[in-house]
Amino acid sequence: MTRGGYDWTDRFPAIAAEARLLGLKTAILDGEAVVLDEHGRSEFGMLQRVLGSHASAASRG
């Protein structure tokens, strides 16, 4: 759930899969999603592009 109340589980399938492995009925995981550049530094612009590409694909159906 984002700060704005949106469920973005489908945008982060790897994280969702790992969370399911915990075997819990309910849980709250708190953190930040980042995309790393070729030097291992977080790059917010890359994250926006990755999330934007998922949004575009979803809108195309």
PDB file of N, CA and C in Angstrom:
ATOM      1  N   MET A   1       0.845  -1.164   0.000  1.00  0.00           N
ATOM      2  CA  MET A   1       0.000   0.000   0.000  1.00  0.00           C
ATOM      3  C   MET A   1       0.897   1.236   0.000  1.00  0.00           C
ATOM      4  N   THR A   2       0.631   2.139  -0.909  1.00  0.00           N
ATOM      5  CA  THR A   2       1.402   3.377  -0.960  1.00  0.00           C
ATOM      6  C   THR A   2       0.876   4.365   0.078  1.00  0.00           C
ATOM      7  N   ARG A   3       1.614   5.449   0.248  1.00  0.00           N
ATOM      8  CA  ARG A   3       1.141   6.500   1.163  1.00  0.00           C
ATOM      9  C   ARG A   3      -0.222   7.020   0.735  1.00  0.00           C
ATOM     10  N   GLY A   4      -0.482   6.996  -0.565  1.00  0.00           N
ATOM     11  CA  GLY A   4      -1.759   7.472  -1.085  1.00  0.00           C
ATOM     12  C   GLY A   4      -2.870   6.432  -1.022  1.00  0.00           C
ATOM     13  N   GLY A   5      -2.564   5.231  -0.493  1.00  0.00           N
ATOM     14  CA  GLY A   5      -3.584   4.204  -0.343  1.00  0.00           C
ATOM     15  C   GLY A   5      -3.727   3.263  -1.524  1.00  0.00           C
ATOM     16  N   TYR A   6      -2.776   3.269  -2.454  1.00  0.00           N
ATOM     17  CA  TYR A   6      -2.842   2.398  -3.626  1.00  0.00           C
ATOM     18  C   TYR A   6      -2.133   1.076  -3.358  1.00  0.00           C
ATOM     19  N   ASP A   7      -2.716  -0.011  -3.824  1.00  0.00           N
ATOM     20  CA  ASP A   7      -2.099  -1.331  -3.713  1.00  0.00           C
ATOM     21  C   ASP A   7      -1.247  -1.557  -4.957  1.00  0.00           C
ATOM     22  N   TRP A   8       0.058  -1.589  -4.780  1.00  0.00           N
ATOM     23  CA  TRP A   8       0.985  -1.763  -5.901  1.00  0.00           C
ATOM     24  C   TRP A   8       1.625  -3.148  -5.898  1.00  0.00           C
ATOM     25  N   THR A   9       0.975  -4.120  -5.299  1.00  0.00           N
ATOM     26  CA  THR A   9       1.519  -5.472  -5.233  1.00  0.00           C
ATOM     27  C   THR A   9       1.912  -5.971  -6.614  1.00  0.00           C
ATOM     28  N   ASP A  10       1.077  -5.713  -7.616  1.00  0.00           N
ATOM     29  CA  ASP A  10       1.360  -6.199  -8.967  1.00  0.00           C
ATOM     30  C   ASP A  10       2.564  -5.506  -9.604  1.00  0.00           C
ATOM     31  N   ARG A  11       2.967  -4.364  -9.095  1.00  0.00           N
ATOM     32  CA  ARG A  11       4.131  -3.661  -9.641  1.00  0.00           C
ATOM     33  C   ARG A  11       5.444  -4.191  -9.073  1.00  0.00           C
ATOM     34  N   PHE A  12       5.358  -4.941  -7.979  1.00  0.00           N
ATOM     35  CA  PHE A  12       6.548  -5.485  -7.328  1.00  0.00           C
ATOM     36  C   PHE A  12       6.364  -6.985  -7.075  1.00  0.00           C
ATOM     37  N   PRO A  13       6.235  -7.787  -8.144  1.00  0.00           N
ATOM     38  CA  PRO A  13       5.929  -9.207  -7.960  1.00  0.00           C
ATOM     39  C   PRO A  13       7.009  -9.977  -7.200  1.00  0.00           C
ATOM     40  N   ALA A  14       8.268  -9.615  -7.351  1.00  0.00           N
ATOM     41  CA  ALA A  14       9.333 -10.336  -6.639  1.00  0.00           C
ATOM     42  C   ALA A  14       9.222 -10.114  -5.133  1.00  0.00           C
ATOM     43  N   ILE A  15       8.914  -8.891  -4.731  1.00  0.00           N
ATOM     44  CA  ILE A  15       8.755  -8.601  -3.302  1.00  0.00           C
ATOM     45  C   ILE A  15       7.528  -9.328  -2.765  1.00  0.00           C
ATOM     46  N   ALA A  16       6.447  -9.323  -3.525  1.00  0.00           N
ATOM     47  CA  ALA A  16       5.224 -10.006  -3.096  1.00  0.00           C
ATOM     48  C   ALA A  16       5.473 -11.507  -2.941  1.00  0.00           C
ATOM     49  N   ALA A  17       6.224 -12.092  -3.866  1.00  0.00           N
ATOM     50  CA  ALA A  17       6.520 -13.526  -3.791  1.00  0.00           C
ATOM     51  C   ALA A  17       7.339 -13.850  -2.544  1.00  0.00           C
ATOM     52  N   GLU A  18       8.334 -13.039  -2.260  1.00  0.00           N
ATOM     53  CA  GLU A  18       9.152 -13.255  -1.062  1.00  0.00           C
ATOM     54  C   GLU A  18       8.318 -13.084   0.208  1.00  0.00           C
ATOM     55  N   ALA A  19       7.430 -12.117   0.223  1.00  0.00           N
ATOM     56  CA  ALA A  19       6.577 -11.898   1.393  1.00  0.00           C
ATOM     57  C   ALA A  19       5.668 -13.100   1.629  1.00  0.00           C
ATOM     58  N   ARG A  20       5.161 -13.704   0.543  1.00  0.00           N
ATOM     59  CA  ARG A  20       4.305 -14.887   0.689  1.00  0.00           C
ATOM     60  C   ARG A  20       5.070 -16.048   1.326  1.00  0.00           C
ATOM     61  N   LEU A  21       6.377 -16.125   1.081  1.00  0.00           N
ATOM     62  CA  LEU A  21       7.192 -17.198   1.657  1.00  0.00           C
ATOM     63  C   LEU A  21       7.288 -17.113   3.179  1.00  0.00           C
ATOM     64  N   LEU A  22       6.966 -15.971   3.744  1.00  0.00           N
ATOM     65  CA  LEU A  22       6.983 -15.827   5.199  1.00  0.00           C
ATOM     66  C   LEU A  22       5.905 -16.680   5.861  1.00  0.00           C
ATOM     67  N   GLY A  23       4.871 -17.034   5.089  1.00  0.00           N
ATOM     68  CA  GLY A  23       3.814 -17.896   5.600  1.00  0.00           C
ATOM     69  C   GLY A  23       2.916 -17.242   6.641  1.00  0.00           C
ATOM     70  N   LEU A  24       2.832 -15.948   6.613  1.00  0.00           N
ATOM     71  CA  LEU A  24       2.012 -15.218   7.577  1.00  0.00           C
ATOM     72  C   LEU A  24       0.640 -14.928   6.996  1.00  0.00           C
ATOM     73  N   LYS A  25      -0.348 -14.859   7.862  1.00  0.00           N
ATOM     74  CA  LYS A  25      -1.691 -14.501   7.421  1.00  0.00           C
ATOM     75  C   LYS A  25      -1.762 -13.020   7.074  1.00  0.00           C
ATOM     76  N   THR A  26      -1.211 -12.187   7.932  1.00  0.00           N
ATOM     77  CA  THR A  26      -1.139 -10.753   7.681  1.00  0.00           C
ATOM     78  C   THR A  26       0.218 -10.243   8.155  1.00  0.00           C
ATOM     79  N   ALA A  27       0.657  -9.170   7.546  1.00  0.00           N
ATOM     80  CA  ALA A  27       1.927  -8.558   7.946  1.00  0.00           C
ATOM     81  C   ALA A  27       1.974  -7.138   7.414  1.00  0.00           C
ATOM     82  N   ILE A  28       2.779  -6.333   8.048  1.00  0.00           N
ATOM     83  CA  ILE A  28       3.054  -4.989   7.553  1.00  0.00           C
ATOM     84  C   ILE A  28       4.552  -4.899   7.329  1.00  0.00           C
ATOM     85  N   LEU A  29       4.942  -4.677   6.092  1.00  0.00           N
ATOM     86  CA  LEU A  29       6.345  -4.497   5.746  1.00  0.00           C
ATOM     87  C   LEU A  29       6.524  -3.045   5.349  1.00  0.00           C
ATOM     88  N   ASP A  30       7.510  -2.401   5.908  1.00  0.00           N
ATOM     89  CA  ASP A  30       7.742  -0.991   5.631  1.00  0.00           C
ATOM     90  C   ASP A  30       9.105  -0.843   4.986  1.00  0.00           C
ATOM     91  N   GLY A  31       9.188  -0.026   3.958  1.00  0.00           N
ATOM     92  CA  GLY A  31      10.476   0.181   3.314  1.00  0.00           C
ATOM     93  C   GLY A  31      10.363   1.103   2.121  1.00  0.00           C
ATOM     94  N   GLU A  32      11.448   1.202   1.424  1.00  0.00           N
ATOM     95  CA  GLU A  32      11.526   2.023   0.217  1.00  0.00           C
ATOM     96  C   GLU A  32      11.948   1.135  -0.948  1.00  0.00           C
ATOM     97  N   ALA A  33      11.351   1.326  -2.091  1.00  0.00           N
ATOM     98  CA  ALA A  33      11.772   0.630  -3.304  1.00  0.00           C
ATOM     99  C   ALA A  33      12.800   1.504  -4.008  1.00  0.00           C
ATOM    100  N   VAL A  34      13.876   0.878  -4.458  1.00  0.00           N
ATOM    101  CA  VAL A  34      14.902   1.613  -5.191  1.00  0.00           C
ATOM    102  C   VAL A  34      15.329   0.811  -6.407  1.00  0.00           C
ATOM    103  N   VAL A  35      15.857   1.508  -7.392  1.00  0.00           N
ATOM    104  CA  VAL A  35      16.510   0.895  -8.539  1.00  0.00           C
ATOM    105  C   VAL A  35      17.951   1.358  -8.481  1.00  0.00           C
ATOM    106  N   LEU A  36      18.882   0.409  -8.644  1.00  0.00           N
ATOM    107  CA  LEU A  36      20.296   0.742  -8.571  1.00  0.00           C
ATOM    108  C   LEU A  36      20.882   0.936  -9.961  1.00  0.00           C
ATOM    109  N   ASP A  37      21.756   1.929 -10.092  1.00  0.00           N
ATOM    110  CA  ASP A  37      22.445   2.145 -11.362  1.00  0.00           C
ATOM    111  C   ASP A  37      23.644   1.203 -11.462  1.00  0.00           C
ATOM    112  N   GLU A  38      24.421   1.331 -12.517  1.00  0.00           N
ATOM    113  CA  GLU A  38      25.552   0.429 -12.754  1.00  0.00           C
ATOM    114  C   GLU A  38      26.646   0.546 -11.688  1.00  0.00           C
ATOM    115  N   HIS A  39      26.588   1.580 -10.867  1.00  0.00           N
ATOM    116  CA  HIS A  39      27.569   1.772  -9.797  1.00  0.00           C
ATOM    117  C   HIS A  39      27.004   1.395  -8.426  1.00  0.00           C
ATOM    118  N   GLY A  40      25.795   0.840  -8.400  1.00  0.00           N
ATOM    119  CA  GLY A  40      25.185   0.430  -7.148  1.00  0.00           C
ATOM    120  C   GLY A  40      24.545   1.554  -6.357  1.00  0.00           C
ATOM    121  N   ARG A  41      24.351   2.691  -7.004  1.00  0.00           N
ATOM    122  CA  ARG A  41      23.712   3.836  -6.333  1.00  0.00           C
ATOM    123  C   ARG A  41      22.228   3.861  -6.689  1.00  0.00           C
ATOM    124  N   SER A  42      21.420   4.262  -5.712  1.00  0.00           N
ATOM    125  CA  SER A  42      19.987   4.363  -5.996  1.00  0.00           C
ATOM    126  C   SER A  42      19.756   5.504  -6.983  1.00  0.00           C
ATOM    127  N   GLU A  43      18.839   5.261  -7.907  1.00  0.00           N
ATOM    128  CA  GLU A  43      18.564   6.225  -8.976  1.00  0.00           C
ATOM    129  C   GLU A  43      17.056   6.388  -9.085  1.00  0.00           C
ATOM    130  N   PHE A  44      16.547   7.496  -8.537  1.00  0.00           N
ATOM    131  CA  PHE A  44      15.105   7.724  -8.493  1.00  0.00           C
ATOM    132  C   PHE A  44      14.500   7.811  -9.894  1.00  0.00           C
ATOM    133  N   GLY A  45      15.191   8.434 -10.829  1.00  0.00           N
ATOM    134  CA  GLY A  45      14.679   8.545 -12.194  1.00  0.00           C
ATOM    135  C   GLY A  45      14.464   7.186 -12.834  1.00  0.00           C
ATOM    136  N   MET A  46      15.371   6.251 -12.570  1.00  0.00           N
ATOM    137  CA  MET A  46      15.223   4.898 -13.110  1.00  0.00           C
ATOM    138  C   MET A  46      14.001   4.216 -12.504  1.00  0.00           C
ATOM    139  N   LEU A  47      13.784   4.425 -11.202  1.00  0.00           N
ATOM    140  CA  LEU A  47      12.603   3.856 -10.552  1.00  0.00           C
ATOM    141  C   LEU A  47      11.332   4.399 -11.191  1.00  0.00           C
ATOM    142  N   GLN A  48      11.304   5.695 -11.440  1.00  0.00           N
ATOM    143  CA  GLN A  48      10.129   6.298 -12.080  1.00  0.00           C
ATOM    144  C   GLN A  48       9.890   5.694 -13.459  1.00  0.00           C
ATOM    145  N   ARG A  49      10.959   5.467 -14.210  1.00  0.00           N
ATOM    146  CA  ARG A  49      10.803   4.879 -15.548  1.00  0.00           C
ATOM    147  C   ARG A  49      10.283   3.444 -15.457  1.00  0.00           C
ATOM    148  N   VAL A  50      10.818   2.668 -14.507  1.00  0.00           N
ATOM    149  CA  VAL A  50      10.359   1.286 -14.335  1.00  0.00           C
ATOM    150  C   VAL A  50       8.881   1.260 -13.957  1.00  0.00           C
ATOM    151  N   LEU A  51       8.502   2.068 -12.988  1.00  0.00           N
ATOM    152  CA  LEU A  51       7.099   2.105 -12.572  1.00  0.00           C
ATOM    153  C   LEU A  51       6.216   2.661 -13.677  1.00  0.00           C
ATOM    154  N   GLY A  52       6.697   3.630 -14.412  1.00  0.00           N
ATOM    155  CA  GLY A  52       5.942   4.201 -15.520  1.00  0.00           C
ATOM    156  C   GLY A  52       5.695   3.195 -16.616  1.00  0.00           C
ATOM    157  N   SER A  53       6.679   2.331 -16.882  1.00  0.00           N
ATOM    158  CA  SER A  53       6.507   1.329 -17.927  1.00  0.00           C
ATOM    159  C   SER A  53       5.452   0.315 -17.520  1.00  0.00           C
ATOM    160  N   HIS A  54       5.359  -0.011 -16.228  1.00  0.00           N
ATOM    161  CA  HIS A  54       4.306  -0.915 -15.756  1.00  0.00           C
ATOM    162  C   HIS A  54       2.947  -0.252 -15.880  1.00  0.00           C
ATOM    163  N   ALA A  55       2.869   1.020 -15.564  1.00  0.00           N
ATOM    164  CA  ALA A  55       1.595   1.737 -15.664  1.00  0.00           C
ATOM    165  C   ALA A  55       1.145   1.796 -17.113  1.00  0.00           C
ATOM    166  N   SER A  56       2.076   2.039 -18.023  1.00  0.00           N
ATOM    167  CA  SER A  56       1.727   2.106 -19.443  1.00  0.00           C
ATOM    168  C   SER A  56       1.250   0.755 -19.946  1.00  0.00           C
ATOM    169  N   ALA A  57       1.936  -0.324 -19.535  1.00  0.00           N
ATOM    170  CA  ALA A  57       1.541  -1.661 -19.968  1.00  0.00           C
ATOM    171  C   ALA A  57       0.163  -2.016 -19.430  1.00  0.00           C
ATOM    172  N   ALA A  58      -0.117  -1.649 -18.189  1.00  0.00           N
ATOM    173  CA  ALA A  58      -1.422  -1.947 -17.589  1.00  0.00           C
ATOM    174  C   ALA A  58      -2.532  -1.200 -18.307  1.00  0.00           C
ATOM    175  N   SER A  59      -2.272   0.022 -18.719  1.00  0.00           N
ATOM    176  CA  SER A  59      -3.318   0.797 -19.383  1.00  0.00           C
ATOM    177  C   SER A  59      -3.603   0.265 -20.781  1.00  0.00           C
ATOM    178  N   ARG A  60      -2.621  -0.436 -21.371  1.00  0.00           N
ATOM    179  CA  ARG A  60      -2.835  -1.024 -22.699  1.00  0.00           C
ATOM    180  C   ARG A  60      -3.625  -2.317 -22.610  1.00  0.00           C
ATOM    181  N   GLY A  61      -3.702  -2.899 -21.385  1.00  0.00           N
ATOM    182  CA  GLY A  61      -4.492  -4.110 -21.181  1.00  0.00           C
ATOM    183  C   GLY A  61      -3.748  -5.307 -21.593  1.00  0.00           C
TER     184      GLY A  61
END
